[in-house]
């Protein structure tokens, strides 16, 4: 189909646009090492890079993961996340076509008492990396939002979007392999899929893609 109106892209942030797991993994391991040094203990064993959705390979006690999330937020962790490779450039290219309306749809407001910090850090991060967007929605149930296509990684969100008949491209991650859905392994591939299916008029020959 040809696009004769604004094409709405529902954009997830963590591990689609921002490298959340890598940033959180580094934060937790560095914080544990610093905590141990403060009390004169040897460095603790490094947690492995998380391959599961619920960080089960870390074998944390009940409530410990929540504590790390809260500390990550309190110390401004969202502000420091690196972007996924190519994400800012790809999103600027999409926005510059004048055909695409990028709407951030993220579920970051899951820790009561930290909403203001999370929202502020999120807006700071988007501006810092010059990521264009028309609007931002902090939503748990993403299938309630109407977009032409969603970019998502969380397995439960992918299942809900598919069940609701939404168009979705999964950013390929180890923890979402059980979901039968169209997927992409890079932002280069995302651009190619969007242009091939929705004819957005992207120039994919430009340097870097």
C-alpha atoms as a PDB file:
ATOM      1  CA  UNK A   1       0.000   0.000   0.000  1.00  0.00           C
ATOM      2  CA  UNK A   2       1.095   3.590  -0.470  1.00  0.00           C
ATOM      3  CA  UNK A   3       1.139   5.904   2.512  1.00  0.00           C
ATOM      4  CA  UNK A   4      -1.240   8.858   2.122  1.00  0.00           C
ATOM      5  CA  UNK A   5      -1.346   9.855   5.789  1.00  0.00           C
ATOM      6  CA  UNK A   6       0.965   9.824   8.773  1.00  0.00           C
ATOM      7  CA  UNK A   7       2.144   6.265   9.391  1.00  0.00           C
ATOM      8  CA  UNK A   8       2.137   5.628  13.158  1.00  0.00           C
ATOM      9  CA  UNK A   9       5.081   3.675  14.540  1.00  0.00           C
ATOM     10  CA  UNK A  10       4.630   2.406  18.111  1.00  0.00           C
ATOM     11  CA  UNK A  11       8.165   2.465  19.486  1.00  0.00           C
ATOM     12  CA  UNK A  12       9.313   0.490  22.517  1.00  0.00           C
ATOM     13  CA  UNK A  13      12.439   1.724  24.286  1.00  0.00           C
ATOM     14  CA  UNK A  14      14.188  -0.912  26.384  1.00  0.00           C
ATOM     15  CA  UNK A  15      16.184  -3.374  24.273  1.00  0.00           C
ATOM     16  CA  UNK A  16      14.621  -2.024  21.090  1.00  0.00           C
ATOM     17  CA  UNK A  17      15.858   1.580  21.129  1.00  0.00           C
ATOM     18  CA  UNK A  18      17.969   1.657  24.315  1.00  0.00           C
ATOM     19  CA  UNK A  19      20.392  -1.004  25.541  1.00  0.00           C
ATOM     20  CA  UNK A  20      18.643  -1.544  28.859  1.00  0.00           C
ATOM     21  CA  UNK A  21      19.855  -5.046  29.708  1.00  0.00           C
ATOM     22  CA  UNK A  22      23.467  -4.231  28.971  1.00  0.00           C
ATOM     23  CA  UNK A  23      23.277  -1.028  30.992  1.00  0.00           C
ATOM     24  CA  UNK A  24      21.458  -2.627  33.909  1.00  0.00           C
ATOM     25  CA  UNK A  25      23.839  -5.614  33.903  1.00  0.00           C
ATOM     26  CA  UNK A  26      26.872  -3.332  34.088  1.00  0.00           C
ATOM     27  CA  UNK A  27      25.249  -1.192  36.783  1.00  0.00           C
ATOM     28  CA  UNK A  28      24.459  -4.149  39.043  1.00  0.00           C
ATOM     29  CA  UNK A  29      27.892  -5.735  38.715  1.00  0.00           C
ATOM     30  CA  UNK A  30      29.745  -2.457  39.241  1.00  0.00           C
ATOM     31  CA  UNK A  31      27.570  -1.566  42.233  1.00  0.00           C
ATOM     32  CA  UNK A  32      28.154  -4.958  43.837  1.00  0.00           C
ATOM     33  CA  UNK A  33      31.907  -4.545  43.398  1.00  0.00           C
ATOM     34  CA  UNK A  34      31.834  -1.033  44.900  1.00  0.00           C
ATOM     35  CA  UNK A  35      29.685  -2.197  47.820  1.00  0.00           C
ATOM     36  CA  UNK A  36      32.122  -5.023  48.532  1.00  0.00           C
ATOM     37  CA  UNK A  37      35.116  -2.676  48.387  1.00  0.00           C
ATOM     38  CA  UNK A  38      33.502  -0.300  50.889  1.00  0.00           C
ATOM     39  CA  UNK A  39      33.377  -3.015  53.537  1.00  0.00           C
ATOM     40  CA  UNK A  40      36.701  -4.604  52.624  1.00  0.00           C
ATOM     41  CA  UNK A  41      35.288  -7.737  51.024  1.00  0.00           C
ATOM     42  CA  UNK A  42      36.646  -9.380  47.864  1.00  0.00           C
ATOM     43  CA  UNK A  43      34.908  -8.690  44.575  1.00  0.00           C
ATOM     44  CA  UNK A  44      31.762 -10.818  44.225  1.00  0.00           C
ATOM     45  CA  UNK A  45      31.313 -13.182  41.312  1.00  0.00           C
ATOM     46  CA  UNK A  46      30.125 -11.323  38.231  1.00  0.00           C
ATOM     47  CA  UNK A  47      26.531 -11.987  37.254  1.00  0.00           C
ATOM     48  CA  UNK A  48      26.320 -13.340  33.677  1.00  0.00           C
ATOM     49  CA  UNK A  49      24.798 -11.249  30.922  1.00  0.00           C
ATOM     50  CA  UNK A  50      21.033 -11.880  31.177  1.00  0.00           C
ATOM     51  CA  UNK A  51      19.544 -14.108  28.499  1.00  0.00           C
ATOM     52  CA  UNK A  52      16.172 -14.585  30.207  1.00  0.00           C
ATOM     53  CA  UNK A  53      13.313 -12.112  30.559  1.00  0.00           C
ATOM     54  CA  UNK A  54      13.177 -12.363  34.353  1.00  0.00           C
ATOM     55  CA  UNK A  55      16.953 -12.443  35.037  1.00  0.00           C
ATOM     56  CA  UNK A  56      16.516 -15.944  36.486  1.00  0.00           C
ATOM     57  CA  UNK A  57      20.159 -16.848  35.816  1.00  0.00           C
ATOM     58  CA  UNK A  58      21.162 -14.458  38.613  1.00  0.00           C
ATOM     59  CA  UNK A  59      19.340 -16.591  41.233  1.00  0.00           C
ATOM     60  CA  UNK A  60      18.322 -13.558  43.291  1.00  0.00           C
ATOM     61  CA  UNK A  61      16.412 -13.719  46.536  1.00  0.00           C
ATOM     62  CA  UNK A  62      12.784 -12.546  46.653  1.00  0.00           C
ATOM     63  CA  UNK A  63      12.633  -8.767  46.302  1.00  0.00           C
ATOM     64  CA  UNK A  64      16.312  -8.412  45.405  1.00  0.00           C
ATOM     65  CA  UNK A  65      15.698  -7.693  41.724  1.00  0.00           C
ATOM     66  CA  UNK A  66      13.141  -5.024  42.669  1.00  0.00           C
ATOM     67  CA  UNK A  67      15.760  -3.472  44.927  1.00  0.00           C
ATOM     68  CA  UNK A  68      18.266  -3.309  42.109  1.00  0.00           C
ATOM     69  CA  UNK A  69      15.683  -1.721  39.792  1.00  0.00           C
ATOM     70  CA  UNK A  70      14.940   0.937  42.396  1.00  0.00           C
ATOM     71  CA  UNK A  71      18.630   1.673  42.948  1.00  0.00           C
ATOM     72  CA  UNK A  72      19.193   1.841  39.182  1.00  0.00           C
ATOM     73  CA  UNK A  73      16.436   4.441  38.881  1.00  0.00           C
ATOM     74  CA  UNK A  74      17.521   6.389  41.965  1.00  0.00           C
ATOM     75  CA  UNK A  75      21.045   6.720  40.575  1.00  0.00           C
ATOM     76  CA  UNK A  76      19.865   7.914  37.155  1.00  0.00           C
ATOM     77  CA  UNK A  77      20.494   4.705  35.293  1.00  0.00           C
ATOM     78  CA  UNK A  78      18.052   5.378  32.449  1.00  0.00           C
ATOM     79  CA  UNK A  79      19.916   8.581  31.583  1.00  0.00           C
ATOM     80  CA  UNK A  80      23.131   6.664  30.903  1.00  0.00           C
ATOM     81  CA  UNK A  81      21.906   3.824  28.699  1.00  0.00           C
ATOM     82  CA  UNK A  82      23.587   3.600  25.289  1.00  0.00           C
ATOM     83  CA  UNK A  83      21.244   3.446  22.305  1.00  0.00           C
ATOM     84  CA  UNK A  84      20.849   0.284  20.295  1.00  0.00           C
ATOM     85  CA  UNK A  85      23.275   0.397  17.334  1.00  0.00           C
ATOM     86  CA  UNK A  86      21.809   2.496  14.537  1.00  0.00           C
ATOM     87  CA  UNK A  87      18.555   3.303  16.367  1.00  0.00           C
ATOM     88  CA  UNK A  88      18.841   7.131  16.585  1.00  0.00           C
ATOM     89  CA  UNK A  89      19.962   7.432  12.965  1.00  0.00           C
ATOM     90  CA  UNK A  90      17.226   5.086  11.732  1.00  0.00           C
ATOM     91  CA  UNK A  91      14.511   6.920  13.657  1.00  0.00           C
ATOM     92  CA  UNK A  92      15.674  10.294  12.357  1.00  0.00           C
ATOM     93  CA  UNK A  93      15.571   8.896   8.851  1.00  0.00           C
ATOM     94  CA  UNK A  94      12.036   7.647   9.384  1.00  0.00           C
ATOM     95  CA  UNK A  95      10.939  10.977  10.832  1.00  0.00           C
ATOM     96  CA  UNK A  96      12.547  12.920   8.004  1.00  0.00           C
ATOM     97  CA  UNK A  97      10.376  11.167   5.416  1.00  0.00           C
ATOM     98  CA  UNK A  98       7.488  13.345   6.739  1.00  0.00           C
ATOM     99  CA  UNK A  99       5.293  10.244   6.440  1.00  0.00           C
ATOM    100  CA  UNK A 100       5.989   8.638   9.803  1.00  0.00           C
ATOM    101  CA  UNK A 101       4.686   9.661  13.213  1.00  0.00           C
ATOM    102  CA  UNK A 102       6.879   8.058  15.885  1.00  0.00           C
ATOM    103  CA  UNK A 103       5.063   7.473  19.175  1.00  0.00           C
ATOM    104  CA  UNK A 104       6.972   6.056  22.138  1.00  0.00           C
ATOM    105  CA  UNK A 105       4.970   3.302  23.858  1.00  0.00           C
ATOM    106  CA  UNK A 106       6.828   2.033  26.908  1.00  0.00           C
ATOM    107  CA  UNK A 107       6.030   0.435  30.253  1.00  0.00           C
ATOM    108  CA  UNK A 108       8.643   2.000  32.469  1.00  0.00           C
ATOM    109  CA  UNK A 109       6.325   3.222  35.215  1.00  0.00           C
ATOM    110  CA  UNK A 110       6.267  -0.046  37.136  1.00  0.00           C
ATOM    111  CA  UNK A 111       7.951   1.077  40.385  1.00  0.00           C
ATOM    112  CA  UNK A 112       5.608   3.034  42.654  1.00  0.00           C
ATOM    113  CA  UNK A 113       7.263   6.169  43.997  1.00  0.00           C
ATOM    114  CA  UNK A 114       9.716   6.493  41.097  1.00  0.00           C
ATOM    115  CA  UNK A 115       7.423   7.678  38.300  1.00  0.00           C
ATOM    116  CA  UNK A 116       8.701  11.259  38.187  1.00  0.00           C
ATOM    117  CA  UNK A 117      12.334  10.100  38.093  1.00  0.00           C
ATOM    118  CA  UNK A 118      11.669   7.557  35.359  1.00  0.00           C
ATOM    119  CA  UNK A 119       9.683   9.983  33.203  1.00  0.00           C
ATOM    120  CA  UNK A 120      12.325  12.697  33.549  1.00  0.00           C
ATOM    121  CA  UNK A 121      15.201  10.348  32.783  1.00  0.00           C
ATOM    122  CA  UNK A 122      13.332   8.986  29.764  1.00  0.00           C
ATOM    123  CA  UNK A 123      12.717  12.434  28.269  1.00  0.00           C
ATOM    124  CA  UNK A 124      16.324  13.439  28.966  1.00  0.00           C
ATOM    125  CA  UNK A 125      17.605  10.309  27.205  1.00  0.00           C
ATOM    126  CA  UNK A 126      15.429  10.842  24.131  1.00  0.00           C
ATOM    127  CA  UNK A 127      16.636  14.444  23.792  1.00  0.00           C
ATOM    128  CA  UNK A 128      20.261  13.540  24.488  1.00  0.00           C
ATOM    129  CA  UNK A 129      20.289  11.052  21.603  1.00  0.00           C
ATOM    130  CA  UNK A 130      18.195  13.294  19.332  1.00  0.00           C
ATOM    131  CA  UNK A 131      15.474  10.710  18.894  1.00  0.00           C
ATOM    132  CA  UNK A 132      12.394  12.245  17.255  1.00  0.00           C
ATOM    133  CA  UNK A 133       8.919  11.420  18.534  1.00  0.00           C
ATOM    134  CA  UNK A 134       5.463  12.974  18.409  1.00  0.00           C
ATOM    135  CA  UNK A 135       4.161  11.666  21.687  1.00  0.00           C
ATOM    136  CA  UNK A 136       5.064   9.343  24.557  1.00  0.00           C
ATOM    137  CA  UNK A 137       2.760   6.869  26.294  1.00  0.00           C
ATOM    138  CA  UNK A 138       3.644   4.974  29.450  1.00  0.00           C
ATOM    139  CA  UNK A 139       1.406   1.937  28.972  1.00  0.00           C
ATOM    140  CA  UNK A 140       1.356  -1.531  30.471  1.00  0.00           C
ATOM    141  CA  UNK A 141      -1.213  -2.950  28.025  1.00  0.00           C
ATOM    142  CA  UNK A 142       0.266  -1.879  24.712  1.00  0.00           C
ATOM    143  CA  UNK A 143      -2.432  -3.578  22.652  1.00  0.00           C
ATOM    144  CA  UNK A 144      -4.750  -0.766  23.807  1.00  0.00           C
ATOM    145  CA  UNK A 145      -2.775   1.705  21.689  1.00  0.00           C
ATOM    146  CA  UNK A 146      -3.513   2.072  17.970  1.00  0.00           C
ATOM    147  CA  UNK A 147      -0.446   2.071  15.704  1.00  0.00           C
ATOM    148  CA  UNK A 148       0.211   0.851  12.188  1.00  0.00           C
ATOM    149  CA  UNK A 149       3.060  -1.277  13.491  1.00  0.00           C
ATOM    150  CA  UNK A 150       4.748  -1.811  16.850  1.00  0.00           C
ATOM    151  CA  UNK A 151       8.427  -2.441  17.517  1.00  0.00           C
ATOM    152  CA  UNK A 152       8.633  -4.584  20.647  1.00  0.00           C
ATOM    153  CA  UNK A 153      10.789  -7.167  22.425  1.00  0.00           C
ATOM    154  CA  UNK A 154       8.921  -8.276  25.571  1.00  0.00           C
ATOM    155  CA  UNK A 155       7.417 -11.746  25.007  1.00  0.00           C
ATOM    156  CA  UNK A 156       4.176 -11.016  26.886  1.00  0.00           C
ATOM    157  CA  UNK A 157       3.637  -7.809  24.913  1.00  0.00           C
ATOM    158  CA  UNK A 158       4.366  -9.570  21.639  1.00  0.00           C
ATOM    159  CA  UNK A 159       1.781 -12.245  22.432  1.00  0.00           C
ATOM    160  CA  UNK A 160      -0.824  -9.660  23.438  1.00  0.00           C
ATOM    161  CA  UNK A 161      -0.252  -7.573  20.318  1.00  0.00           C
ATOM    162  CA  UNK A 162      -0.479 -10.607  18.043  1.00  0.00           C
ATOM    163  CA  UNK A 163      -3.645 -11.803  19.828  1.00  0.00           C
ATOM    164  CA  UNK A 164      -5.185  -8.356  19.321  1.00  0.00           C
ATOM    165  CA  UNK A 165      -4.422  -8.470  15.594  1.00  0.00           C
ATOM    166  CA  UNK A 166      -1.802  -5.724  15.737  1.00  0.00           C
ATOM    167  CA  UNK A 167       1.048  -5.499  13.265  1.00  0.00           C
ATOM    168  CA  UNK A 168       4.310  -6.004  15.118  1.00  0.00           C
ATOM    169  CA  UNK A 169       7.991  -6.523  14.441  1.00  0.00           C
ATOM    170  CA  UNK A 170       9.896  -8.171  17.271  1.00  0.00           C
ATOM    171  CA  UNK A 171      13.411  -7.021  17.980  1.00  0.00           C
ATOM    172  CA  UNK A 172      15.084 -10.403  18.142  1.00  0.00           C
ATOM    173  CA  UNK A 173      16.237 -11.316  21.651  1.00  0.00           C
ATOM    174  CA  UNK A 174      17.059 -14.656  23.332  1.00  0.00           C
ATOM    175  CA  UNK A 175      14.058 -14.371  25.655  1.00  0.00           C
ATOM    176  CA  UNK A 176      11.422 -13.854  22.932  1.00  0.00           C
ATOM    177  CA  UNK A 177      12.208 -16.831  20.706  1.00  0.00           C
ATOM    178  CA  UNK A 178       9.064 -18.708  21.753  1.00  0.00           C
ATOM    179  CA  UNK A 179       6.805 -16.098  20.121  1.00  0.00           C
ATOM    180  CA  UNK A 180       5.875 -16.768  16.491  1.00  0.00           C
ATOM    181  CA  UNK A 181       6.117 -13.281  14.996  1.00  0.00           C
ATOM    182  CA  UNK A 182       7.966 -11.332  12.341  1.00  0.00           C
ATOM    183  CA  UNK A 183      11.330 -10.310  13.772  1.00  0.00           C
ATOM    184  CA  UNK A 184      14.420  -8.252  12.986  1.00  0.00           C
ATOM    185  CA  UNK A 185      17.957  -8.517  14.331  1.00  0.00           C
ATOM    186  CA  UNK A 186      19.034  -4.927  13.653  1.00  0.00           C
ATOM    187  CA  UNK A 187      17.744  -1.466  12.869  1.00  0.00           C
ATOM    188  CA  UNK A 188      18.973  -1.917   9.296  1.00  0.00           C
ATOM    189  CA  UNK A 189      16.581  -4.835   8.976  1.00  0.00           C
ATOM    190  CA  UNK A 190      13.761  -2.909  10.628  1.00  0.00           C
ATOM    191  CA  UNK A 191      14.082  -0.111   8.068  1.00  0.00           C
ATOM    192  CA  UNK A 192      14.131  -2.602   5.222  1.00  0.00           C
ATOM    193  CA  UNK A 193      11.014  -4.367   6.505  1.00  0.00           C
ATOM    194  CA  UNK A 194       9.116  -1.108   7.025  1.00  0.00           C
ATOM    195  CA  UNK A 195      10.024   0.178   3.578  1.00  0.00           C
ATOM    196  CA  UNK A 196       9.307  -3.105   1.818  1.00  0.00           C
ATOM    197  CA  UNK A 197       5.875  -3.589   3.359  1.00  0.00           C
ATOM    198  CA  UNK A 198       4.600  -0.045   3.783  1.00  0.00           C
ATOM    199  CA  UNK A 199       6.488   1.757   0.980  1.00  0.00           C
ATOM    200  CA  UNK A 200       7.725   4.636   3.083  1.00  0.00           C
ATOM    201  CA  UNK A 201      10.154   5.876   0.448  1.00  0.00           C
ATOM    202  CA  UNK A 202      13.298   5.384   2.513  1.00  0.00           C
ATOM    203  CA  UNK A 203      16.658   5.728   0.804  1.00  0.00           C
ATOM    204  CA  UNK A 204      18.348   2.603   2.102  1.00  0.00           C
ATOM    205  CA  UNK A 205      21.465   3.262   0.027  1.00  0.00           C
ATOM    206  CA  UNK A 206      22.617   6.097   2.293  1.00  0.00           C
ATOM    207  CA  UNK A 207      25.875   5.510   4.248  1.00  0.00           C
ATOM    208  CA  UNK A 208      25.549   3.486   7.427  1.00  0.00           C
ATOM    209  CA  UNK A 209      22.637   1.308   6.306  1.00  0.00           C
END
